[in-house]
C-alpha cells in the first residue's frame, strides 16, 4: 500500500510544478488520506 502513497505524492508534486503553488492543500489531503488508508491496512 505504501507505493500508492508514494505515487499519490509524486503526482501531486508534478501537479504542483505544472499547476502552481495553490496545489499544496491537495498534497496535504493526499498524504493524510494515504496515511489513513495505510493505517487501516495494518489492522
N, C-alpha and C. Protein backbone atom coordinates (compact mmCIF):
# COMPACT_ATOMS: atom_id res chain seq x y z
N UNK A 1 0.82 -1.21 0.00
CA UNK A 1 0.00 0.00 0.00
C UNK A 1 0.86 1.26 0.00
N UNK A 2 2.12 1.12 0.43
CA UNK A 2 2.98 2.29 0.53
C UNK A 2 3.24 2.91 -0.84
N UNK A 3 3.30 2.07 -1.88
CA UNK A 3 3.56 2.58 -3.22
C UNK A 3 2.42 3.47 -3.70
N UNK A 4 1.20 3.21 -3.20
CA UNK A 4 0.05 4.05 -3.57
C UNK A 4 0.26 5.46 -3.02
N UNK A 5 0.73 5.54 -1.77
CA UNK A 5 1.00 6.83 -1.16
C UNK A 5 2.12 7.56 -1.90
N UNK A 6 3.18 6.83 -2.22
CA UNK A 6 4.31 7.43 -2.94
C UNK A 6 3.86 7.94 -4.31
N UNK A 7 3.06 7.14 -5.00
CA UNK A 7 2.58 7.55 -6.32
C UNK A 7 1.69 8.78 -6.20
N UNK A 8 0.86 8.82 -5.16
CA UNK A 8 -0.01 9.98 -4.96
C UNK A 8 0.79 11.24 -4.69
N UNK A 9 1.82 11.13 -3.85
CA UNK A 9 2.67 12.28 -3.56
C UNK A 9 3.40 12.73 -4.82
N UNK A 10 3.92 11.77 -5.58
CA UNK A 10 4.62 12.10 -6.82
C UNK A 10 3.72 12.84 -7.80
N UNK A 11 2.47 12.37 -7.90
CA UNK A 11 1.52 13.03 -8.80
C UNK A 11 1.24 14.45 -8.34
N UNK A 12 1.06 14.63 -7.04
CA UNK A 12 0.76 15.96 -6.52
C UNK A 12 1.94 16.90 -6.70
N UNK A 13 3.16 16.38 -6.52
CA UNK A 13 4.35 17.21 -6.74
C UNK A 13 4.43 17.64 -8.20
N UNK A 14 4.13 16.70 -9.11
CA UNK A 14 4.12 17.03 -10.53
C UNK A 14 3.06 18.10 -10.82
N UNK A 15 1.87 17.93 -10.24
CA UNK A 15 0.80 18.91 -10.42
C UNK A 15 1.21 20.26 -9.84
N UNK A 16 1.97 20.23 -8.75
CA UNK A 16 2.42 21.47 -8.12
C UNK A 16 3.29 22.27 -9.09
N UNK A 17 4.22 21.57 -9.74
CA UNK A 17 5.11 22.27 -10.67
C UNK A 17 4.37 22.73 -11.93
N UNK A 18 3.36 21.98 -12.33
CA UNK A 18 2.65 22.32 -13.57
C UNK A 18 1.47 23.25 -13.32
N UNK A 19 0.96 23.25 -12.08
CA UNK A 19 -0.27 24.00 -11.80
C UNK A 19 -0.09 25.18 -10.87
N UNK A 20 1.01 25.22 -10.12
CA UNK A 20 1.23 26.35 -9.24
C UNK A 20 1.17 25.98 -7.77
N UNK A 21 1.42 26.97 -6.95
CA UNK A 21 1.59 26.76 -5.51
C UNK A 21 0.27 26.48 -4.80
N UNK A 22 -0.85 26.72 -5.48
CA UNK A 22 -2.16 26.56 -4.84
C UNK A 22 -2.51 25.10 -4.60
N UNK A 23 -1.69 24.18 -5.16
CA UNK A 23 -2.00 22.75 -5.02
C UNK A 23 -1.41 22.14 -3.74
N UNK A 24 -0.82 22.96 -2.89
CA UNK A 24 -0.22 22.43 -1.66
C UNK A 24 -1.27 21.73 -0.80
N UNK A 25 -2.49 22.30 -0.73
CA UNK A 25 -3.54 21.67 0.07
C UNK A 25 -3.86 20.28 -0.46
N UNK A 26 -3.82 20.11 -1.80
CA UNK A 26 -4.04 18.79 -2.39
C UNK A 26 -2.98 17.80 -1.92
N UNK A 27 -1.75 18.26 -1.77
CA UNK A 27 -0.68 17.39 -1.28
C UNK A 27 -0.98 16.96 0.15
N UNK A 28 -1.40 17.90 0.98
CA UNK A 28 -1.72 17.59 2.38
C UNK A 28 -2.84 16.56 2.44
N UNK A 29 -3.90 16.75 1.63
CA UNK A 29 -5.02 15.82 1.62
C UNK A 29 -4.57 14.44 1.14
N UNK A 30 -3.74 14.41 0.12
CA UNK A 30 -3.26 13.14 -0.43
C UNK A 30 -2.43 12.38 0.61
N UNK A 31 -1.52 13.08 1.28
CA UNK A 31 -0.68 12.44 2.29
C UNK A 31 -1.53 11.93 3.45
N UNK A 32 -2.44 12.77 3.94
CA UNK A 32 -3.29 12.38 5.07
C UNK A 32 -4.17 11.19 4.69
N UNK A 33 -4.76 11.25 3.50
CA UNK A 33 -5.62 10.16 3.05
C UNK A 33 -4.85 8.86 2.86
N UNK A 34 -3.67 8.97 2.25
CA UNK A 34 -2.85 7.79 2.02
C UNK A 34 -2.38 7.16 3.32
N UNK A 35 -2.00 8.01 4.29
CA UNK A 35 -1.55 7.50 5.58
C UNK A 35 -2.69 6.82 6.32
N UNK A 36 -3.89 7.42 6.25
CA UNK A 36 -5.07 6.84 6.90
C UNK A 36 -5.39 5.47 6.31
N UNK A 37 -5.33 5.36 4.97
CA UNK A 37 -5.60 4.08 4.32
C UNK A 37 -4.53 3.05 4.71
N UNK A 38 -3.27 3.51 4.82
CA UNK A 38 -2.19 2.60 5.23
C UNK A 38 -2.44 2.07 6.64
N UNK A 39 -2.89 2.94 7.54
CA UNK A 39 -3.18 2.51 8.91
C UNK A 39 -4.29 1.46 8.92
N UNK A 40 -5.32 1.66 8.10
CA UNK A 40 -6.42 0.70 8.03
C UNK A 40 -5.90 -0.66 7.57
N UNK A 41 -5.00 -0.66 6.58
CA UNK A 41 -4.48 -1.92 6.05
C UNK A 41 -3.62 -2.65 7.07
N UNK A 42 -3.08 -1.93 8.05
CA UNK A 42 -2.22 -2.55 9.06
C UNK A 42 -3.03 -3.32 10.10
N UNK A 43 -4.30 -3.01 10.22
CA UNK A 43 -5.14 -3.65 11.24
C UNK A 43 -5.49 -5.08 10.83
